[in-house]
Amino acid sequence: MPTDQFDITAQSILFLMPPGVQPPFQVRLGVHTTNGGLLSKGDFTIANCQDIADAVQKAMQLIETMNLKMAADFILVLPPFVGRNEAEEAALIDTAWSIKEAADKGGWEFSRHLPPPIF
């Protein structure tokens, strides 16, 4: 029997930084919610991020403000965007390394793909 208490856990930060995007950019804070046997997933869009550190700081502020739990396997994700030329590919690699450094600093995982959905 489901309870009225929701358990909301922050799962990921998805960086929406395709090639050529200039700040400000957006990230999505992925969450999952459980209530008894009911599981739902969603995200919160965080706009106006000036750089990677600003995006992480804003996401952490939202997690704290909403009193969310952080998943043990919290992950920062840069989707596998494809550059149109060598310069864009090099910029994507630099961005990926910067996000990985932020993940390492926070003690989190880094990936180029979101984790598979829970069914």
N, C-alpha and C. Protein backbone atom coordinates (compact mmCIF):
# COMPACT_ATOMS: atom_id res chain seq x y z
N MET A 1 0.85 -1.18 0.00
CA MET A 1 0.00 0.00 0.00
C MET A 1 0.89 1.24 0.00
N PRO A 2 0.77 2.13 -1.01
CA PRO A 2 1.60 3.32 -1.08
C PRO A 2 1.32 4.24 0.10
N THR A 3 2.39 4.94 0.49
CA THR A 3 2.24 5.94 1.54
C THR A 3 2.13 7.31 0.90
N ASP A 4 1.86 8.32 1.72
CA ASP A 4 1.80 9.68 1.20
C ASP A 4 3.17 10.34 1.16
N GLN A 5 4.20 9.64 1.65
CA GLN A 5 5.55 10.19 1.71
C GLN A 5 6.31 9.88 0.42
N PHE A 6 6.83 10.91 -0.21
CA PHE A 6 7.64 10.74 -1.41
C PHE A 6 9.11 10.75 -1.03
N ASP A 7 9.88 9.92 -1.69
CA ASP A 7 11.33 9.89 -1.53
C ASP A 7 11.91 10.36 -2.85
N ILE A 8 12.48 11.56 -2.88
CA ILE A 8 13.00 12.13 -4.12
C ILE A 8 14.53 12.15 -4.04
N THR A 9 15.15 11.54 -5.05
CA THR A 9 16.60 11.41 -5.07
C THR A 9 17.16 12.06 -6.33
N ALA A 10 18.17 12.90 -6.16
CA ALA A 10 18.88 13.50 -7.29
C ALA A 10 19.80 12.44 -7.88
N GLN A 11 19.70 12.22 -9.20
CA GLN A 11 20.45 11.16 -9.88
C GLN A 11 21.59 11.67 -10.75
N SER A 12 21.38 12.84 -11.41
CA SER A 12 22.36 13.25 -12.43
C SER A 12 22.24 14.73 -12.76
N ILE A 13 23.32 15.23 -13.36
CA ILE A 13 23.29 16.55 -14.00
C ILE A 13 23.64 16.32 -15.46
N LEU A 14 22.72 16.66 -16.34
CA LEU A 14 22.92 16.52 -17.78
C LEU A 14 23.30 17.88 -18.34
N PHE A 15 24.50 17.99 -18.90
CA PHE A 15 25.00 19.24 -19.45
C PHE A 15 24.55 19.38 -20.90
N LEU A 16 23.77 20.40 -21.19
CA LEU A 16 23.26 20.64 -22.55
C LEU A 16 24.19 21.64 -23.23
N MET A 17 25.32 21.11 -23.68
CA MET A 17 26.37 21.94 -24.25
C MET A 17 26.82 21.38 -25.60
N PRO A 18 25.95 21.46 -26.63
CA PRO A 18 26.37 20.98 -27.95
C PRO A 18 27.47 21.89 -28.52
N PRO A 19 28.14 21.43 -29.56
CA PRO A 19 29.21 22.24 -30.16
C PRO A 19 28.72 23.63 -30.53
N GLY A 20 29.54 24.62 -30.23
CA GLY A 20 29.22 25.99 -30.59
C GLY A 20 28.34 26.73 -29.61
N VAL A 21 27.80 26.06 -28.59
CA VAL A 21 26.96 26.75 -27.62
C VAL A 21 27.82 27.70 -26.79
N GLN A 22 27.31 28.87 -26.56
CA GLN A 22 28.00 29.87 -25.75
C GLN A 22 27.20 30.09 -24.47
N PRO A 23 27.88 30.40 -23.38
CA PRO A 23 27.14 30.70 -22.14
C PRO A 23 26.21 31.89 -22.36
N PRO A 24 25.10 31.91 -21.68
CA PRO A 24 24.68 30.92 -20.71
C PRO A 24 24.07 29.69 -21.39
N PHE A 25 24.20 28.55 -20.70
CA PHE A 25 23.64 27.29 -21.19
C PHE A 25 22.77 26.69 -20.09
N GLN A 26 22.14 25.57 -20.41
CA GLN A 26 21.25 24.90 -19.46
C GLN A 26 21.81 23.54 -19.06
N VAL A 27 21.41 23.11 -17.86
CA VAL A 27 21.63 21.73 -17.44
C VAL A 27 20.30 21.20 -16.92
N ARG A 28 20.22 19.90 -16.82
CA ARG A 28 19.01 19.28 -16.25
C ARG A 28 19.43 18.42 -15.07
N LEU A 29 18.78 18.67 -13.94
CA LEU A 29 18.99 17.86 -12.75
C LEU A 29 18.00 16.72 -12.80
N GLY A 30 18.49 15.51 -13.02
CA GLY A 30 17.63 14.33 -13.10
C GLY A 30 17.32 13.80 -11.72
N VAL A 31 16.06 13.48 -11.49
CA VAL A 31 15.61 12.95 -10.20
C VAL A 31 14.74 11.73 -10.42
N HIS A 32 14.65 10.90 -9.38
CA HIS A 32 13.63 9.87 -9.40
C HIS A 32 12.90 9.93 -8.06
N THR A 33 11.63 9.62 -8.13
CA THR A 33 10.74 9.70 -6.99
C THR A 33 10.12 8.34 -6.74
N THR A 34 10.13 7.93 -5.49
CA THR A 34 9.46 6.69 -5.14
C THR A 34 8.41 6.99 -4.08
N ASN A 35 7.33 6.26 -4.17
CA ASN A 35 6.24 6.35 -3.21
C ASN A 35 5.67 4.94 -3.13
N GLY A 36 6.11 4.21 -2.11
CA GLY A 36 5.72 2.80 -2.04
C GLY A 36 6.31 2.08 -3.24
N GLY A 37 5.49 1.43 -4.04
CA GLY A 37 5.95 0.72 -5.22
C GLY A 37 5.98 1.57 -6.48
N LEU A 38 5.58 2.84 -6.40
CA LEU A 38 5.52 3.72 -7.57
C LEU A 38 6.86 4.41 -7.78
N LEU A 39 7.41 4.31 -8.98
CA LEU A 39 8.66 4.97 -9.32
C LEU A 39 8.40 5.90 -10.49
N SER A 40 8.85 7.14 -10.38
CA SER A 40 8.76 8.06 -11.50
C SER A 40 10.08 8.78 -11.65
N LYS A 41 10.37 9.22 -12.87
CA LYS A 41 11.60 9.94 -13.16
C LYS A 41 11.25 11.26 -13.82
N GLY A 42 12.10 12.24 -13.63
CA GLY A 42 11.89 13.54 -14.24
C GLY A 42 13.14 14.37 -14.11
N ASP A 43 13.03 15.64 -14.45
CA ASP A 43 14.18 16.52 -14.30
C ASP A 43 13.73 17.95 -14.08
N PHE A 44 14.67 18.74 -13.58
CA PHE A 44 14.48 20.17 -13.40
C PHE A 44 15.50 20.86 -14.30
N THR A 45 15.05 21.79 -15.12
CA THR A 45 15.95 22.55 -15.98
C THR A 45 16.52 23.71 -15.18
N ILE A 46 17.82 23.86 -15.21
CA ILE A 46 18.51 24.96 -14.55
C ILE A 46 19.11 25.81 -15.66
N ALA A 47 18.63 27.02 -15.79
CA ALA A 47 19.02 27.91 -16.89
C ALA A 47 20.11 28.89 -16.44
N ASN A 48 20.66 29.56 -17.42
CA ASN A 48 21.61 30.66 -17.20
C ASN A 48 22.89 30.25 -16.49
N CYS A 49 23.42 29.09 -16.84
CA CYS A 49 24.69 28.64 -16.28
C CYS A 49 25.82 29.29 -17.08
N GLN A 50 26.74 29.90 -16.37
CA GLN A 50 27.83 30.63 -17.03
C GLN A 50 29.02 29.75 -17.37
N ASP A 51 29.22 28.69 -16.58
CA ASP A 51 30.30 27.73 -16.82
C ASP A 51 29.98 26.46 -16.06
N ILE A 52 30.86 25.49 -16.14
CA ILE A 52 30.59 24.19 -15.52
C ILE A 52 30.48 24.31 -14.01
N ALA A 53 31.38 25.07 -13.39
CA ALA A 53 31.33 25.24 -11.93
C ALA A 53 30.03 25.91 -11.50
N ASP A 54 29.58 26.90 -12.26
CA ASP A 54 28.31 27.58 -11.96
C ASP A 54 27.14 26.62 -12.07
N ALA A 55 27.15 25.76 -13.09
CA ALA A 55 26.08 24.78 -13.27
C ALA A 55 26.02 23.81 -12.10
N VAL A 56 27.18 23.31 -11.68
CA VAL A 56 27.22 22.37 -10.56
C VAL A 56 26.75 23.07 -9.28
N GLN A 57 27.22 24.29 -9.06
CA GLN A 57 26.82 25.04 -7.87
C GLN A 57 25.30 25.26 -7.84
N LYS A 58 24.72 25.65 -8.96
CA LYS A 58 23.27 25.87 -9.02
C LYS A 58 22.50 24.57 -8.77
N ALA A 59 23.00 23.47 -9.32
CA ALA A 59 22.34 22.18 -9.10
C ALA A 59 22.42 21.79 -7.62
N MET A 60 23.58 21.99 -6.99
CA MET A 60 23.74 21.66 -5.58
C MET A 60 22.84 22.55 -4.71
N GLN A 61 22.69 23.81 -5.09
CA GLN A 61 21.79 24.70 -4.36
C GLN A 61 20.35 24.22 -4.46
N LEU A 62 19.94 23.77 -5.64
CA LEU A 62 18.59 23.26 -5.83
C LEU A 62 18.38 21.98 -5.01
N ILE A 63 19.36 21.11 -5.02
CA ILE A 63 19.27 19.88 -4.22
C ILE A 63 19.11 20.21 -2.74
N GLU A 64 19.89 21.16 -2.27
CA GLU A 64 19.81 21.55 -0.85
C GLU A 64 18.49 22.25 -0.54
N THR A 65 18.08 23.18 -1.39
CA THR A 65 16.84 23.92 -1.17
C THR A 65 15.64 22.99 -1.13
N MET A 66 15.63 21.99 -2.01
CA MET A 66 14.50 21.06 -2.08
C MET A 66 14.66 19.88 -1.11
N ASN A 67 15.77 19.88 -0.37
CA ASN A 67 16.04 18.83 0.61
C ASN A 67 16.01 17.44 -0.04
N LEU A 68 16.66 17.34 -1.21
CA LEU A 68 16.71 16.07 -1.93
C LEU A 68 17.87 15.23 -1.43
N LYS A 69 17.70 13.93 -1.52
CA LYS A 69 18.81 13.01 -1.28
C LYS A 69 19.64 12.95 -2.56
N MET A 70 20.93 12.66 -2.40
CA MET A 70 21.77 12.44 -3.58
C MET A 70 22.01 10.95 -3.71
N ALA A 71 21.85 10.45 -4.92
CA ALA A 71 22.08 9.03 -5.19
C ALA A 71 23.55 8.69 -4.93
N ALA A 72 23.78 7.49 -4.45
CA ALA A 72 25.14 7.02 -4.23
C ALA A 72 25.93 7.00 -5.54
N ASP A 73 25.23 6.80 -6.65
CA ASP A 73 25.88 6.76 -7.96
C ASP A 73 25.57 8.03 -8.78
N PHE A 74 25.51 9.19 -8.10
CA PHE A 74 25.26 10.47 -8.76
C PHE A 74 26.26 10.66 -9.89
N ILE A 75 25.79 11.19 -11.01
CA ILE A 75 26.62 11.22 -12.22
C ILE A 75 26.45 12.54 -12.97
N LEU A 76 27.56 13.04 -13.51
CA LEU A 76 27.53 14.19 -14.41
C LEU A 76 27.65 13.65 -15.83
N VAL A 77 26.80 14.16 -16.72
CA VAL A 77 26.71 13.60 -18.07
C VAL A 77 26.85 14.68 -19.12
N LEU A 78 27.73 14.45 -20.07
CA LEU A 78 27.81 15.25 -21.29
C LEU A 78 27.41 14.32 -22.43
N PRO A 79 26.24 14.56 -23.05
CA PRO A 79 25.81 13.66 -24.14
C PRO A 79 26.85 13.59 -25.26
N PRO A 80 26.80 12.53 -26.05
CA PRO A 80 27.78 12.35 -27.13
C PRO A 80 27.47 13.22 -28.35
N PHE A 81 27.55 14.53 -28.16
CA PHE A 81 27.38 15.45 -29.29
C PHE A 81 28.51 15.21 -30.29
N VAL A 82 28.26 15.56 -31.53
CA VAL A 82 29.27 15.41 -32.58
C VAL A 82 29.58 16.78 -33.15
N GLY A 83 30.87 17.10 -33.20
CA GLY A 83 31.29 18.37 -33.78
C GLY A 83 31.27 18.31 -35.30
N ARG A 84 31.12 19.47 -35.91
CA ARG A 84 31.10 19.54 -37.38
C ARG A 84 32.49 19.64 -37.98
N ASN A 85 33.48 19.89 -37.14
CA ASN A 85 34.84 20.01 -37.63
C ASN A 85 35.81 19.70 -36.49
N GLU A 86 37.11 19.73 -36.79
CA GLU A 86 38.11 19.37 -35.78
C GLU A 86 38.09 20.32 -34.59
N ALA A 87 37.86 21.58 -34.82
CA ALA A 87 37.85 22.56 -33.73
C ALA A 87 36.70 22.27 -32.77
N GLU A 88 35.52 21.95 -33.30
CA GLU A 88 34.38 21.63 -32.43
C GLU A 88 34.62 20.32 -31.69
N GLU A 89 35.22 19.34 -32.35
CA GLU A 89 35.53 18.07 -31.69
C GLU A 89 36.53 18.31 -30.55
N ALA A 90 37.53 19.13 -30.79
CA ALA A 90 38.52 19.44 -29.75
C ALA A 90 37.86 20.17 -28.58
N ALA A 91 36.94 21.08 -28.88
CA ALA A 91 36.23 21.81 -27.82
C ALA A 91 35.37 20.85 -27.00
N LEU A 92 34.73 19.89 -27.66
CA LEU A 92 33.93 18.89 -26.93
C LEU A 92 34.80 18.05 -26.00
N ILE A 93 35.96 17.68 -26.46
CA ILE A 93 36.88 16.90 -25.63
C ILE A 93 37.30 17.72 -24.41
N ASP A 94 37.62 18.99 -24.63
CA ASP A 94 37.98 19.87 -23.51
C ASP A 94 36.83 20.01 -22.52
N THR A 95 35.61 20.15 -23.04
CA THR A 95 34.43 20.27 -22.18
C THR A 95 34.22 18.99 -21.38
N ALA A 96 34.37 17.85 -22.04
CA ALA A 96 34.21 16.57 -21.35
C ALA A 96 35.23 16.44 -20.22
N TRP A 97 36.48 16.82 -20.47
CA TRP A 97 37.49 16.75 -19.42
C TRP A 97 37.16 17.69 -18.26
N SER A 98 36.66 18.87 -18.56
CA SER A 98 36.30 19.83 -17.51
C SER A 98 35.15 19.29 -16.65
N ILE A 99 34.18 18.66 -17.28
CA ILE A 99 33.05 18.08 -16.53
C ILE A 99 33.54 16.88 -15.71
N LYS A 100 34.44 16.08 -16.28
CA LYS A 100 35.00 14.95 -15.53
C LYS A 100 35.76 15.46 -14.31
N GLU A 101 36.51 16.53 -14.45
CA GLU A 101 37.23 17.10 -13.30
C GLU A 101 36.26 17.55 -12.22
N ALA A 102 35.14 18.16 -12.62
CA ALA A 102 34.11 18.57 -11.65
C ALA A 102 33.51 17.35 -10.96
N ALA A 103 33.30 16.28 -11.72
CA ALA A 103 32.76 15.05 -11.15
C ALA A 103 33.76 14.45 -10.15
N ASP A 104 35.02 14.39 -10.53
CA ASP A 104 36.04 13.85 -9.63
C ASP A 104 36.12 14.67 -8.34
N LYS A 105 36.05 15.99 -8.48
CA LYS A 105 36.11 16.88 -7.32
C LYS A 105 34.94 16.62 -6.37
N GLY A 106 33.76 16.34 -6.92
CA GLY A 106 32.58 16.09 -6.10
C GLY A 106 32.47 14.65 -5.62
N GLY A 107 33.35 13.77 -6.12
CA GLY A 107 33.28 12.35 -5.76
C GLY A 107 32.18 11.62 -6.50
N TRP A 108 31.84 12.11 -7.70
CA TRP A 108 30.76 11.53 -8.49
C TRP A 108 31.31 10.83 -9.71
N GLU A 109 30.42 10.21 -10.46
CA GLU A 109 30.76 9.55 -11.71
C GLU A 109 30.67 10.56 -12.86
N PHE A 110 31.25 10.21 -13.99
CA PHE A 110 31.13 10.99 -15.22
C PHE A 110 30.84 10.02 -16.35
N SER A 111 29.98 10.43 -17.28
CA SER A 111 29.67 9.58 -18.43
C SER A 111 29.29 10.46 -19.62
N ARG A 112 29.37 9.87 -20.78
CA ARG A 112 28.88 10.52 -22.00
C ARG A 112 27.46 10.06 -22.30
N HIS A 113 26.90 9.16 -21.45
CA HIS A 113 25.55 8.64 -21.65
C HIS A 113 24.81 8.61 -20.32
N LEU A 114 23.53 8.91 -20.36
CA LEU A 114 22.71 8.78 -19.16
C LEU A 114 22.58 7.31 -18.78
N PRO A 115 22.45 7.04 -17.49
CA PRO A 115 22.24 5.64 -17.09
C PRO A 115 20.94 5.12 -17.69
N PRO A 116 20.85 3.80 -17.90
CA PRO A 116 19.62 3.24 -18.44
C PRO A 116 18.45 3.48 -17.48
N PRO A 117 17.26 3.59 -18.01
CA PRO A 117 16.10 3.81 -17.14
C PRO A 117 15.81 2.60 -16.27
N ILE A 118 15.19 2.86 -15.14
CA ILE A 118 14.78 1.78 -14.24
C ILE A 118 13.34 1.43 -14.59
N PHE A 119 13.08 0.18 -14.91
CA PHE A 119 11.72 -0.24 -15.23
C PHE A 119 11.19 -1.15 -14.16
